[in-house]
């Protein structure tokens, strides 16, 4: 697996999360252990669009970065690590859980490691 493929895989996961948060908001948020209120529904949809935006950026980074792809990989490693930290904190303190939180914690950890390792090659 090369760095370009890691970017594409990350984009695919972001697209899936974005579409679920945007169009299946109540299910997506409740699977994370959140009580879905009207405000939470609105926030979930906002998150969905944000995930889609980041998915587009991740997908296009491969084409736009050129010889600087490894540098972008390091930035993405840091971004994924930040998601690992906040999701891990929320799971550890019990404010989030379930399939959404645990799945994204595992996936973000995997991408953080892959982006870090593949950007060093």
PDB file of N, CA and C in Angstrom:
ATOM      1  N   UNK A   1       0.856  -1.180   0.000  1.00  0.00           N
ATOM      2  CA  UNK A   1       0.000   0.000   0.000  1.00  0.00           C
ATOM      3  C   UNK A   1       0.894   1.234   0.000  1.00  0.00           C
ATOM      4  N   UNK A   2       0.667   2.125  -0.959  1.00  0.00           N
ATOM      5  CA  UNK A   2       1.448   3.354  -1.008  1.00  0.00           C
ATOM      6  C   UNK A   2       0.648   4.520  -0.433  1.00  0.00           C
ATOM      7  N   UNK A   3       1.310   5.655  -0.295  1.00  0.00           N
ATOM      8  CA  UNK A   3       0.691   6.824   0.330  1.00  0.00           C
ATOM      9  C   UNK A   3      -0.521   7.314  -0.461  1.00  0.00           C
ATOM     10  N   UNK A   4      -0.446   7.247  -1.769  1.00  0.00           N
ATOM     11  CA  UNK A   4      -1.565   7.658  -2.604  1.00  0.00           C
ATOM     12  C   UNK A   4      -2.812   6.839  -2.284  1.00  0.00           C
ATOM     13  N   UNK A   5      -2.647   5.552  -2.112  1.00  0.00           N
ATOM     14  CA  UNK A   5      -3.776   4.676  -1.785  1.00  0.00           C
ATOM     15  C   UNK A   5      -4.316   4.971  -0.383  1.00  0.00           C
ATOM     16  N   UNK A   6      -3.453   5.329   0.550  1.00  0.00           N
ATOM     17  CA  UNK A   6      -3.899   5.688   1.902  1.00  0.00           C
ATOM     18  C   UNK A   6      -4.791   6.932   1.827  1.00  0.00           C
ATOM     19  N   UNK A   7      -4.400   7.919   1.013  1.00  0.00           N
ATOM     20  CA  UNK A   7      -5.236   9.109   0.846  1.00  0.00           C
ATOM     21  C   UNK A   7      -6.598   8.738   0.270  1.00  0.00           C
ATOM     22  N   UNK A   8      -6.613   7.886  -0.751  1.00  0.00           N
ATOM     23  CA  UNK A   8      -7.873   7.497  -1.390  1.00  0.00           C
ATOM     24  C   UNK A   8      -8.751   6.715  -0.410  1.00  0.00           C
ATOM     25  N   UNK A   9      -8.158   5.820   0.371  1.00  0.00           N
ATOM     26  CA  UNK A   9      -8.923   5.042   1.361  1.00  0.00           C
ATOM     27  C   UNK A   9      -9.483   5.969   2.442  1.00  0.00           C
ATOM     28  N   UNK A  10      -8.687   6.917   2.886  1.00  0.00           N
ATOM     29  CA  UNK A  10      -9.148   7.875   3.882  1.00  0.00           C
ATOM     30  C   UNK A  10     -10.310   8.688   3.332  1.00  0.00           C
ATOM     31  N   UNK A  11     -10.198   9.112   2.090  1.00  0.00           N
ATOM     32  CA  UNK A  11     -11.278   9.869   1.453  1.00  0.00           C
ATOM     33  C   UNK A  11     -12.554   9.034   1.405  1.00  0.00           C
ATOM     34  N   UNK A  12     -12.432   7.761   1.077  1.00  0.00           N
ATOM     35  CA  UNK A  12     -13.604   6.886   1.002  1.00  0.00           C
ATOM     36  C   UNK A  12     -14.300   6.783   2.357  1.00  0.00           C
ATOM     37  N   UNK A  13     -13.525   6.638   3.428  1.00  0.00           N
ATOM     38  CA  UNK A  13     -14.098   6.565   4.773  1.00  0.00           C
ATOM     39  C   UNK A  13     -14.767   7.893   5.133  1.00  0.00           C
ATOM     40  N   UNK A  14     -14.127   8.991   4.785  1.00  0.00           N
ATOM     41  CA  UNK A  14     -14.723  10.305   5.045  1.00  0.00           C
ATOM     42  C   UNK A  14     -16.027  10.478   4.273  1.00  0.00           C
ATOM     43  N   UNK A  15     -16.060  10.007   3.023  1.00  0.00           N
ATOM     44  CA  UNK A  15     -17.298  10.076   2.237  1.00  0.00           C
ATOM     45  C   UNK A  15     -18.407   9.256   2.892  1.00  0.00           C
ATOM     46  N   UNK A  16     -18.076   8.066   3.346  1.00  0.00           N
ATOM     47  CA  UNK A  16     -19.080   7.204   3.991  1.00  0.00           C
ATOM     48  C   UNK A  16     -19.605   7.870   5.261  1.00  0.00           C
ATOM     49  N   UNK A  17     -18.699   8.342   6.111  1.00  0.00           N
ATOM     50  CA  UNK A  17     -19.118   9.031   7.336  1.00  0.00           C
ATOM     51  C   UNK A  17     -19.934  10.274   7.007  1.00  0.00           C
ATOM     52  N   UNK A  18     -19.509  11.021   6.008  1.00  0.00           N
ATOM     53  CA  UNK A  18     -20.216  12.235   5.628  1.00  0.00           C
ATOM     54  C   UNK A  18     -21.620  11.957   5.143  1.00  0.00           C
ATOM     55  N   UNK A  19     -21.765  10.964   4.278  1.00  0.00           N
ATOM     56  CA  UNK A  19     -23.092  10.620   3.766  1.00  0.00           C
ATOM     57  C   UNK A  19     -24.001  10.100   4.874  1.00  0.00           C
ATOM     58  N   UNK A  20     -23.433   9.277   5.769  1.00  0.00           N
ATOM     59  CA  UNK A  20     -24.235   8.767   6.885  1.00  0.00           C
ATOM     60  C   UNK A  20     -24.661   9.900   7.815  1.00  0.00           C
ATOM     61  N   UNK A  21     -23.735  10.792   8.149  1.00  0.00           N
ATOM     62  CA  UNK A  21     -24.063  11.891   9.059  1.00  0.00           C
ATOM     63  C   UNK A  21     -25.050  12.862   8.419  1.00  0.00           C
ATOM     64  N   UNK A  22     -24.958  13.050   7.113  1.00  0.00           N
ATOM     65  CA  UNK A  22     -25.839  13.990   6.430  1.00  0.00           C
ATOM     66  C   UNK A  22     -27.236  13.421   6.188  1.00  0.00           C
ATOM     67  N   UNK A  23     -27.299  12.174   5.734  1.00  0.00           N
ATOM     68  CA  UNK A  23     -28.584  11.616   5.314  1.00  0.00           C
ATOM     69  C   UNK A  23     -29.197  10.611   6.286  1.00  0.00           C
ATOM     70  N   UNK A  24     -28.399  10.079   7.208  1.00  0.00           N
ATOM     71  CA  UNK A  24     -28.888   9.144   8.224  1.00  0.00           C
ATOM     72  C   UNK A  24     -28.507   9.678   9.598  1.00  0.00           C
ATOM     73  N   UNK A  25     -28.723  10.960   9.783  1.00  0.00           N
ATOM     74  CA  UNK A  25     -28.210  11.682  10.941  1.00  0.00           C
ATOM     75  C   UNK A  25     -28.622  11.048  12.259  1.00  0.00           C
ATOM     76  N   UNK A  26     -29.897  10.755  12.418  1.00  0.00           N
ATOM     77  CA  UNK A  26     -30.367  10.207  13.695  1.00  0.00           C
ATOM     78  C   UNK A  26     -29.689   8.873  14.010  1.00  0.00           C
ATOM     79  N   UNK A  27     -29.600   7.991  13.029  1.00  0.00           N
ATOM     80  CA  UNK A  27     -28.947   6.692  13.239  1.00  0.00           C
ATOM     81  C   UNK A  27     -27.468   6.867  13.532  1.00  0.00           C
ATOM     82  N   UNK A  28     -26.805   7.714  12.746  1.00  0.00           N
ATOM     83  CA  UNK A  28     -25.372   7.938  12.897  1.00  0.00           C
ATOM     84  C   UNK A  28     -25.048   8.452  14.298  1.00  0.00           C
ATOM     85  N   UNK A  29     -25.806   9.435  14.751  1.00  0.00           N
ATOM     86  CA  UNK A  29     -25.536  10.025  16.058  1.00  0.00           C
ATOM     87  C   UNK A  29     -25.943   9.090  17.201  1.00  0.00           C
ATOM     88  N   UNK A  30     -27.065   8.400  17.058  1.00  0.00           N
ATOM     89  CA  UNK A  30     -27.490   7.500  18.136  1.00  0.00           C
ATOM     90  C   UNK A  30     -26.559   6.292  18.246  1.00  0.00           C
ATOM     91  N   UNK A  31     -25.960   5.856  17.134  1.00  0.00           N
ATOM     92  CA  UNK A  31     -24.995   4.747  17.197  1.00  0.00           C
ATOM     93  C   UNK A  31     -23.747   5.139  17.983  1.00  0.00           C
ATOM     94  N   UNK A  32     -23.519   6.441  18.123  1.00  0.00           N
ATOM     95  CA  UNK A  32     -22.385   6.923  18.918  1.00  0.00           C
ATOM     96  C   UNK A  32     -22.777   7.133  20.383  1.00  0.00           C
ATOM     97  N   UNK A  33     -24.029   6.849  20.698  1.00  0.00           N
ATOM     98  CA  UNK A  33     -24.477   6.973  22.075  1.00  0.00           C
ATOM     99  C   UNK A  33     -25.033   8.339  22.421  1.00  0.00           C
ATOM    100  N   UNK A  34     -25.291   9.168  21.416  1.00  0.00           N
ATOM    101  CA  UNK A  34     -25.826  10.501  21.672  1.00  0.00           C
ATOM    102  C   UNK A  34     -27.343  10.489  21.653  1.00  0.00           C
ATOM    103  N   UNK A  35     -27.936  11.262  22.542  1.00  0.00           N
ATOM    104  CA  UNK A  35     -29.378  11.484  22.497  1.00  0.00           C
ATOM    105  C   UNK A  35     -29.619  12.480  21.361  1.00  0.00           C
ATOM    106  N   UNK A  36     -30.420  12.081  20.404  1.00  0.00           N
ATOM    107  CA  UNK A  36     -30.602  12.908  19.212  1.00  0.00           C
ATOM    108  C   UNK A  36     -31.752  13.895  19.436  1.00  0.00           C
ATOM    109  N   UNK A  37     -31.387  15.136  19.591  1.00  0.00           N
ATOM    110  CA  UNK A  37     -32.345  16.241  19.700  1.00  0.00           C
ATOM    111  C   UNK A  37     -32.347  16.976  18.358  1.00  0.00           C
ATOM    112  N   UNK A  38     -33.204  17.951  18.218  1.00  0.00           N
ATOM    113  CA  UNK A  38     -33.218  18.751  16.995  1.00  0.00           C
ATOM    114  C   UNK A  38     -31.875  19.450  16.789  1.00  0.00           C
ATOM    115  N   UNK A  39     -31.288  19.947  17.875  1.00  0.00           N
ATOM    116  CA  UNK A  39     -29.982  20.604  17.776  1.00  0.00           C
ATOM    117  C   UNK A  39     -28.892  19.611  17.376  1.00  0.00           C
ATOM    118  N   UNK A  40     -28.935  18.404  17.950  1.00  0.00           N
ATOM    119  CA  UNK A  40     -27.947  17.379  17.616  1.00  0.00           C
ATOM    120  C   UNK A  40     -28.102  16.950  16.166  1.00  0.00           C
ATOM    121  N   UNK A  41     -29.329  16.897  15.684  1.00  0.00           N
ATOM    122  CA  UNK A  41     -29.584  16.550  14.284  1.00  0.00           C
ATOM    123  C   UNK A  41     -28.936  17.594  13.363  1.00  0.00           C
ATOM    124  N   UNK A  42     -29.113  18.852  13.694  1.00  0.00           N
ATOM    125  CA  UNK A  42     -28.516  19.934  12.910  1.00  0.00           C
ATOM    126  C   UNK A  42     -26.994  19.849  12.947  1.00  0.00           C
ATOM    127  N   UNK A  43     -26.436  19.631  14.113  1.00  0.00           N
ATOM    128  CA  UNK A  43     -24.987  19.501  14.251  1.00  0.00           C
ATOM    129  C   UNK A  43     -24.477  18.301  13.457  1.00  0.00           C
ATOM    130  N   UNK A  44     -25.203  17.200  13.506  1.00  0.00           N
ATOM    131  CA  UNK A  44     -24.807  16.006  12.759  1.00  0.00           C
ATOM    132  C   UNK A  44     -24.773  16.252  11.263  1.00  0.00           C
ATOM    133  N   UNK A  45     -25.743  16.980  10.757  1.00  0.00           N
ATOM    134  CA  UNK A  45     -25.749  17.301   9.331  1.00  0.00           C
ATOM    135  C   UNK A  45     -24.577  18.216   8.970  1.00  0.00           C
ATOM    136  N   UNK A  46     -24.283  19.171   9.839  1.00  0.00           N
ATOM    137  CA  UNK A  46     -23.125  20.042   9.623  1.00  0.00           C
ATOM    138  C   UNK A  46     -21.837  19.210   9.592  1.00  0.00           C
ATOM    139  N   UNK A  47     -21.731  18.259  10.527  1.00  0.00           N
ATOM    140  CA  UNK A  47     -20.568  17.365  10.538  1.00  0.00           C
ATOM    141  C   UNK A  47     -20.490  16.567   9.250  1.00  0.00           C
ATOM    142  N   UNK A  48     -21.644  16.108   8.756  1.00  0.00           N
ATOM    143  CA  UNK A  48     -21.673  15.328   7.526  1.00  0.00           C
ATOM    144  C   UNK A  48     -21.102  16.099   6.349  1.00  0.00           C
ATOM    145  N   UNK A  49     -21.521  17.345   6.205  1.00  0.00           N
ATOM    146  CA  UNK A  49     -20.993  18.173   5.117  1.00  0.00           C
ATOM    147  C   UNK A  49     -19.498  18.409   5.317  1.00  0.00           C
ATOM    148  N   UNK A  50     -19.084  18.615   6.553  1.00  0.00           N
ATOM    149  CA  UNK A  50     -17.662  18.816   6.846  1.00  0.00           C
ATOM    150  C   UNK A  50     -16.852  17.579   6.488  1.00  0.00           C
ATOM    151  N   UNK A  51     -17.351  16.389   6.822  1.00  0.00           N
ATOM    152  CA  UNK A  51     -16.669  15.147   6.436  1.00  0.00           C
ATOM    153  C   UNK A  51     -16.582  15.033   4.912  1.00  0.00           C
ATOM    154  N   UNK A  52     -17.640  15.394   4.213  1.00  0.00           N
ATOM    155  CA  UNK A  52     -17.607  15.350   2.751  1.00  0.00           C
ATOM    156  C   UNK A  52     -16.563  16.312   2.190  1.00  0.00           C
ATOM    157  N   UNK A  53     -16.472  17.504   2.776  1.00  0.00           N
ATOM    158  CA  UNK A  53     -15.454  18.473   2.345  1.00  0.00           C
ATOM    159  C   UNK A  53     -14.057  17.898   2.549  1.00  0.00           C
ATOM    160  N   UNK A  54     -13.800  17.331   3.724  1.00  0.00           N
ATOM    161  CA  UNK A  54     -12.487  16.734   3.980  1.00  0.00           C
ATOM    162  C   UNK A  54     -12.232  15.534   3.080  1.00  0.00           C
ATOM    163  N   UNK A  55     -13.277  14.794   2.731  1.00  0.00           N
ATOM    164  CA  UNK A  55     -13.129  13.689   1.803  1.00  0.00           C
ATOM    165  C   UNK A  55     -12.686  14.161   0.428  1.00  0.00           C
ATOM    166  N   UNK A  56     -13.292  15.250  -0.045  1.00  0.00           N
ATOM    167  CA  UNK A  56     -12.893  15.820  -1.333  1.00  0.00           C
ATOM    168  C   UNK A  56     -11.440  16.288  -1.280  1.00  0.00           C
ATOM    169  N   UNK A  57     -11.076  16.942  -0.197  1.00  0.00           N
ATOM    170  CA  UNK A  57      -9.695  17.420  -0.050  1.00  0.00           C
ATOM    171  C   UNK A  57      -8.722  16.250  -0.031  1.00  0.00           C
ATOM    172  N   UNK A  58      -9.038  15.199   0.732  1.00  0.00           N
ATOM    173  CA  UNK A  58      -8.156  14.027   0.791  1.00  0.00           C
ATOM    174  C   UNK A  58      -8.029  13.374  -0.587  1.00  0.00           C
ATOM    175  N   UNK A  59      -9.137  13.266  -1.314  1.00  0.00           N
ATOM    176  CA  UNK A  59      -9.121  12.639  -2.632  1.00  0.00           C
ATOM    177  C   UNK A  59      -8.266  13.446  -3.611  1.00  0.00           C
ATOM    178  N   UNK A  60      -8.401  14.766  -3.587  1.00  0.00           N
ATOM    179  CA  UNK A  60      -7.690  15.621  -4.533  1.00  0.00           C
ATOM    180  C   UNK A  60      -6.243  15.903  -4.121  1.00  0.00           C
ATOM    181  N   UNK A  61      -5.896  15.684  -2.867  1.00  0.00           N
ATOM    182  CA  UNK A  61      -4.526  15.937  -2.415  1.00  0.00           C
ATOM    183  C   UNK A  61      -3.524  15.160  -3.246  1.00  0.00           C
ATOM    184  N   UNK A  62      -3.856  13.935  -3.598  1.00  0.00           N
ATOM    185  CA  UNK A  62      -2.948  13.093  -4.392  1.00  0.00           C
ATOM    186  C   UNK A  62      -2.610  13.783  -5.722  1.00  0.00           C
ATOM    187  N   UNK A  63      -3.600  14.376  -6.358  1.00  0.00           N
ATOM    188  CA  UNK A  63      -3.376  15.042  -7.641  1.00  0.00           C
ATOM    189  C   UNK A  63      -2.700  16.402  -7.493  1.00  0.00           C
ATOM    190  N   UNK A  64      -3.007  17.098  -6.434  1.00  0.00           N
ATOM    191  CA  UNK A  64      -2.538  18.473  -6.279  1.00  0.00           C
ATOM    192  C   UNK A  64      -1.165  18.596  -5.613  1.00  0.00           C
ATOM    193  N   UNK A  65      -0.804  17.632  -4.795  1.00  0.00           N
ATOM    194  CA  UNK A  65       0.417  17.760  -3.999  1.00  0.00           C
ATOM    195  C   UNK A  65       1.691  17.534  -4.796  1.00  0.00           C
ATOM    196  N   UNK A  66       1.619  16.735  -5.844  1.00  0.00           N
ATOM    197  CA  UNK A  66       2.813  16.452  -6.645  1.00  0.00           C
ATOM    198  C   UNK A  66       3.916  15.841  -5.811  1.00  0.00           C
ATOM    199  N   UNK A  67       5.094  16.434  -5.886  1.00  0.00           N
ATOM    200  CA  UNK A  67       6.253  15.916  -5.158  1.00  0.00           C
ATOM    201  C   UNK A  67       6.164  16.147  -3.654  1.00  0.00           C
ATOM    202  N   UNK A  68       5.181  16.902  -3.213  1.00  0.00           N
ATOM    203  CA  UNK A  68       5.025  17.208  -1.789  1.00  0.00           C
ATOM    204  C   UNK A  68       4.028  16.283  -1.088  1.00  0.00           C
ATOM    205  N   UNK A  69       3.667  15.169  -1.712  1.00  0.00           N
ATOM    206  CA  UNK A  69       2.659  14.285  -1.128  1.00  0.00           C
ATOM    207  C   UNK A  69       3.082  13.788   0.260  1.00  0.00           C
ATOM    208  N   UNK A  70       4.345  13.477   0.441  1.00  0.00           N
ATOM    209  CA  UNK A  70       4.810  12.989   1.750  1.00  0.00           C
ATOM    210  C   UNK A  70       4.610  14.043   2.837  1.00  0.00           C
ATOM    211  N   UNK A  71       4.822  15.312   2.492  1.00  0.00           N
ATOM    212  CA  UNK A  71       4.611  16.383   3.476  1.00  0.00           C
ATOM    213  C   UNK A  71       3.135  16.469   3.853  1.00  0.00           C
ATOM    214  N   UNK A  72       2.264  16.320   2.867  1.00  0.00           N
ATOM    215  CA  UNK A  72       0.831  16.311   3.157  1.00  0.00           C
ATOM    216  C   UNK A  72       0.468  15.084   3.995  1.00  0.00           C
ATOM    217  N   UNK A  73       1.129  13.967   3.742  1.00  0.00           N
ATOM    218  CA  UNK A  73       0.885  12.750   4.520  1.00  0.00           C
ATOM    219  C   UNK A  73       1.167  12.959   5.996  1.00  0.00           C
ATOM    220  N   UNK A  74       2.210  13.700   6.293  1.00  0.00           N
ATOM    221  CA  UNK A  74       2.539  13.988   7.691  1.00  0.00           C
ATOM    222  C   UNK A  74       1.477  14.866   8.342  1.00  0.00           C
ATOM    223  N   UNK A  75       0.957  15.827   7.593  1.00  0.00           N
ATOM    224  CA  UNK A  75      -0.118  16.676   8.110  1.00  0.00           C
ATOM    225  C   UNK A  75      -1.366  15.827   8.379  1.00  0.00           C
ATOM    226  N   UNK A  76      -1.693  14.938   7.444  1.00  0.00           N
ATOM    227  CA  UNK A  76      -2.854  14.070   7.629  1.00  0.00           C
ATOM    228  C   UNK A  76      -2.648  13.105   8.801  1.00  0.00           C
ATOM    229  N   UNK A  77      -1.412  12.658   9.013  1.00  0.00           N
ATOM    230  CA  UNK A  77      -1.128  11.810  10.174  1.00  0.00           C
ATOM    231  C   UNK A  77      -1.454  12.561  11.459  1.00  0.00           C
ATOM    232  N   UNK A  78      -1.067  13.817  11.519  1.00  0.00           N
ATOM    233  CA  UNK A  78      -1.358  14.647  12.690  1.00  0.00           C
ATOM    234  C   UNK A  78      -2.860  14.848  12.850  1.00  0.00           C
ATOM    235  N   UNK A  79      -3.554  15.123  11.745  1.00  0.00           N
ATOM    236  CA  UNK A  79      -5.009  15.311  11.808  1.00  0.00           C
ATOM    237  C   UNK A  79      -5.704  14.047  12.306  1.00  0.00           C
ATOM    238  N   UNK A  80      -5.312  12.901  11.788  1.00  0.00           N
ATOM    239  CA  UNK A  80      -5.914  11.640  12.232  1.00  0.00           C
ATOM    240  C   UNK A  80      -5.601  11.389  13.708  1.00  0.00           C
ATOM    241  N   UNK A  81      -4.367  11.719  14.131  1.00  0.00           N
ATOM    242  CA  UNK A  81      -3.997  11.545  15.534  1.00  0.00           C
ATOM    243  C   UNK A  81      -4.851  12.432  16.433  1.00  0.00           C
ATOM    244  N   UNK A  82      -5.156  13.630  15.965  1.00  0.00           N
ATOM    245  CA  UNK A  82      -6.017  14.521  16.751  1.00  0.00           C
ATOM    246  C   UNK A  82      -7.415  13.916  16.890  1.00  0.00           C
ATOM    247  N   UNK A  83      -7.930  13.289  15.812  1.00  0.00           N
ATOM    248  CA  UNK A  83      -9.222  12.604  15.911  1.00  0.00           C
ATOM    249  C   UNK A  83      -9.133  11.434  16.888  1.00  0.00           C
ATOM    250  N   UNK A  84      -8.022  10.703  16.856  1.00  0.00           N
ATOM    251  CA  UNK A  84      -7.835   9.600  17.803  1.00  0.00           C
ATOM    252  C   UNK A  84      -7.892  10.128  19.237  1.00  0.00           C
ATOM    253  N   UNK A  85      -7.227  11.231  19.482  1.00  0.00           N
ATOM    254  CA  UNK A  85      -7.205  11.803  20.835  1.00  0.00           C
ATOM    255  C   UNK A  85      -8.595  12.215  21.305  1.00  0.00           C
ATOM    256  N   UNK A  86      -9.338  12.931  20.478  1.00  0.00           N
ATOM    257  CA  UNK A  86     -10.633  13.427  20.937  1.00  0.00           C
ATOM    258  C   UNK A  86     -11.664  12.307  21.014  1.00  0.00           C
ATOM    259  N   UNK A  87     -11.665  11.411  20.040  1.00  0.00           N
ATOM    260  CA  UNK A  87     -12.615  10.295  20.113  1.00  0.00           C
ATOM    261  C   UNK A  87     -12.252   9.395  21.289  1.00  0.00           C
ATOM    262  N   UNK A  88     -10.967   9.128  21.465  1.00  0.00           N
ATOM    263  CA  UNK A  88     -10.522   8.307  22.600  1.00  0.00           C
ATOM    264  C   UNK A  88     -10.899   8.929  23.929  1.00  0.00           C
ATOM    265  N   UNK A  89     -10.738  10.228  24.043  1.00  0.00           N
ATOM    266  CA  UNK A  89     -11.126  10.933  25.265  1.00  0.00           C
ATOM    267  C   UNK A  89     -12.625  10.803  25.504  1.00  0.00           C
ATOM    268  N   UNK A  90     -13.418  10.995  24.468  1.00  0.00           N
ATOM    269  CA  UNK A  90     -14.869  10.902  24.620  1.00  0.00           C
ATOM    270  C   UNK A  90     -15.310   9.487  24.970  1.00  0.00           C
ATOM    271  N   UNK A  91     -14.676   8.486  24.397  1.00  0.00           N
ATOM    272  CA  UNK A  91     -15.001   7.097  24.744  1.00  0.00           C
ATOM    273  C   UNK A  91     -14.576   6.810  26.179  1.00  0.00           C
ATOM    274  N   UNK A  92     -13.369   7.250  26.537  1.00  0.00           N
ATOM    275  CA  UNK A  92     -12.851   6.982  27.887  1.00  0.00           C
ATOM    276  C   UNK A  92     -13.682   7.650  28.976  1.00  0.00           C
ATOM    277  N   UNK A  93     -14.219   8.820  28.688  1.00  0.00           N
ATOM    278  CA  UNK A  93     -15.025   9.522  29.693  1.00  0.00           C
ATOM    279  C   UNK A  93     -16.496   9.133  29.636  1.00  0.00           C
ATOM    280  N   UNK A  94     -16.852   8.298  28.656  1.00  0.00           N
ATOM    281  CA  UNK A  94     -18.213   7.786  28.590  1.00  0.00           C
ATOM    282  C   UNK A  94     -19.229   8.687  27.921  1.00  0.00           C
ATOM    283  N   UNK A  95     -18.792   9.777  27.305  1.00  0.00           N
ATOM    284  CA  UNK A  95     -19.755  10.660  26.642  1.00  0.00           C
ATOM    285  C   UNK A  95     -20.068  10.201  25.226  1.00  0.00           C
ATOM    286  N   UNK A  96     -19.278   9.285  24.692  1.00  0.00           N
ATOM    287  CA  UNK A  96     -19.539   8.696  23.374  1.00  0.00           C
ATOM    288  C   UNK A  96     -19.169   7.225  23.446  1.00  0.00           C
ATOM    289  N   UNK A  97     -19.759   6.465  22.583  1.00  0.00           N
ATOM    290  CA  UNK A  97     -19.469   5.036  22.539  1.00  0.00           C
ATOM    291  C   UNK A  97     -20.185   4.415  21.364  1.00  0.00           C
ATOM    292  N   UNK A  98     -20.395   3.135  21.432  1.00  0.00           N
ATOM    293  CA  UNK A  98     -21.124   2.454  20.382  1.00  0.00           C
ATOM    294  C   UNK A  98     -20.317   2.276  19.115  1.00  0.00           C
ATOM    295  N   UNK A  99     -21.010   1.776  18.105  1.00  0.00           N
ATOM    296  CA  UNK A  99     -20.363   1.422  16.842  1.00  0.00           C
ATOM    297  C   UNK A  99     -19.718   2.616  16.156  1.00  0.00           C
ATOM    298  N   UNK A 100     -20.379   3.750  16.143  1.00  0.00           N
ATOM    299  CA  UNK A 100     -19.833   4.923  15.448  1.00  0.00           C
ATOM    300  C   UNK A 100     -18.526   5.372  16.086  1.00  0.00           C
ATOM    301  N   UNK A 101     -18.520   5.558  17.391  1.00  0.00           N
ATOM    302  CA  UNK A 101     -17.323   6.044  18.077  1.00  0.00           C
ATOM    303  C   UNK A 101     -16.188   5.021  18.025  1.00  0.00           C
ATOM    304  N   UNK A 102     -16.498   3.772  18.337  1.00  0.00           N
ATOM    305  CA  UNK A 102     -15.448   2.752  18.358  1.00  0.00           C
ATOM    306  C   UNK A 102     -14.903   2.484  16.954  1.00  0.00           C
ATOM    307  N   UNK A 103     -15.795   2.417  15.975  1.00  0.00           N
ATOM    308  CA  UNK A 103     -15.345   2.199  14.606  1.00  0.00           C
ATOM    309  C   UNK A 103     -14.441   3.314  14.122  1.00  0.00           C
ATOM    310  N   UNK A 104     -14.845   4.556  14.386  1.00  0.00           N
ATOM    311  CA  UNK A 104     -14.026   5.679  13.960  1.00  0.00           C
ATOM    312  C   UNK A 104     -12.729   5.787  14.751  1.00  0.00           C
ATOM    313  N   UNK A 105     -12.742   5.359  15.995  1.00  0.00           N
ATOM    314  CA  UNK A 105     -11.505   5.346  16.779  1.00  0.00           C
ATOM    315  C   UNK A 105     -10.495   4.375  16.162  1.00  0.00           C
ATOM    316  N   UNK A 106     -10.955   3.187  15.826  1.00  0.00           N
ATOM    317  CA  UNK A 106     -10.075   2.181  15.215  1.00  0.00           C
ATOM    318  C   UNK A 106      -9.584   2.649  13.847  1.00  0.00           C
ATOM    319  N   UNK A 107     -10.501   3.137  13.026  1.00  0.00           N
ATOM    320  CA  UNK A 107     -10.138   3.571  11.677  1.00  0.00           C
ATOM    321  C   UNK A 107      -9.184   4.762  11.725  1.00  0.00           C
ATOM    322  N   UNK A 108      -9.443   5.725  12.597  1.00  0.00           N
ATOM    323  CA  UNK A 108      -8.558   6.891  12.703  1.00  0.00           C
ATOM    324  C   UNK A 108      -7.174   6.493  13.192  1.00  0.00           C
ATOM    325  N   UNK A 109      -7.107   5.552  14.123  1.00  0.00           N
ATOM    326  CA  UNK A 109      -5.809   5.060  14.594  1.00  0.00           C
ATOM    327  C   UNK A 109      -5.041   4.412  13.443  1.00  0.00           C
ATOM    328  N   UNK A 110      -5.730   3.580  12.683  1.00  0.00           N
ATOM    329  CA  UNK A 110      -5.101   2.923  11.538  1.00  0.00           C
ATOM    330  C   UNK A 110      -4.591   3.951  10.536  1.00  0.00           C
ATOM    331  N   UNK A 111      -5.415   4.941  10.198  1.00  0.00           N
ATOM    332  CA  UNK A 111      -4.974   5.956   9.239  1.00  0.00           C
ATOM    333  C   UNK A 111      -3.841   6.812   9.793  1.00  0.00           C
ATOM    334  N   UNK A 112      -3.864   7.136  11.070  1.00  0.00           N
ATOM    335  CA  UNK A 112      -2.769   7.918  11.656  1.00  0.00           C
ATOM    336  C   UNK A 112      -1.444   7.182  11.473  1.00  0.00           C
ATOM    337  N   UNK A 113      -1.453   5.895  11.763  1.00  0.00           N
ATOM    338  CA  UNK A 113      -0.237   5.088  11.619  1.00  0.00           C
ATOM    339  C   UNK A 113       0.161   4.975  10.156  1.00  0.00           C
ATOM    340  N   UNK A 114      -0.809   4.671   9.287  1.00  0.00           N
ATOM    341  CA  UNK A 114      -0.486   4.528   7.856  1.00  0.00           C
ATOM    342  C   UNK A 114       0.045   5.825   7.247  1.00  0.00           C
ATOM    343  N   UNK A 115      -0.616   6.937   7.527  1.00  0.00           N
ATOM    344  CA  UNK A 115      -0.127   8.210   6.989  1.00  0.00           C
ATOM    345  C   UNK A 115       1.289   8.503   7.498  1.00  0.00           C
ATOM    346  N   UNK A 116       1.527   8.254   8.779  1.00  0.00           N
ATOM    347  CA  UNK A 116       2.851   8.516   9.342  1.00  0.00           C
ATOM    348  C   UNK A 116       3.913   7.629   8.678  1.00  0.00           C
ATOM    349  N   UNK A 117       3.637   6.332   8.640  1.00  0.00           N
ATOM    350  CA  UNK A 117       4.632   5.403   8.085  1.00  0.00           C
ATOM    351  C   UNK A 117       4.849   5.602   6.601  1.00  0.00           C
ATOM    352  N   UNK A 118       3.797   5.752   5.849  1.00  0.00           N
ATOM    353  CA  UNK A 118       3.922   5.864   4.381  1.00  0.00           C
ATOM    354  C   UNK A 118       4.481   7.218   3.961  1.00  0.00           C
ATOM    355  N   UNK A 119       4.368   8.243   4.795  1.00  0.00           N
ATOM    356  CA  UNK A 119       4.955   9.536   4.436  1.00  0.00           C
ATOM    357  C   UNK A 119       6.441   9.581   4.734  1.00  0.00           C
ATOM    358  N   UNK A 120       6.958   8.568   5.395  1.00  0.00           N
ATOM    359  CA  UNK A 120       8.395   8.496   5.703  1.00  0.00           C
ATOM    360  C   UNK A 120       9.161   7.704   4.655  1.00  0.00           C
ATOM    361  N   UNK A 121       8.449   6.979   3.801  1.00  0.00           N
ATOM    362  CA  UNK A 121       9.127   6.115   2.804  1.00  0.00           C
ATOM    363  C   UNK A 121       9.715   6.902   1.677  1.00  0.00           C
TER     364      UNK A 121
END
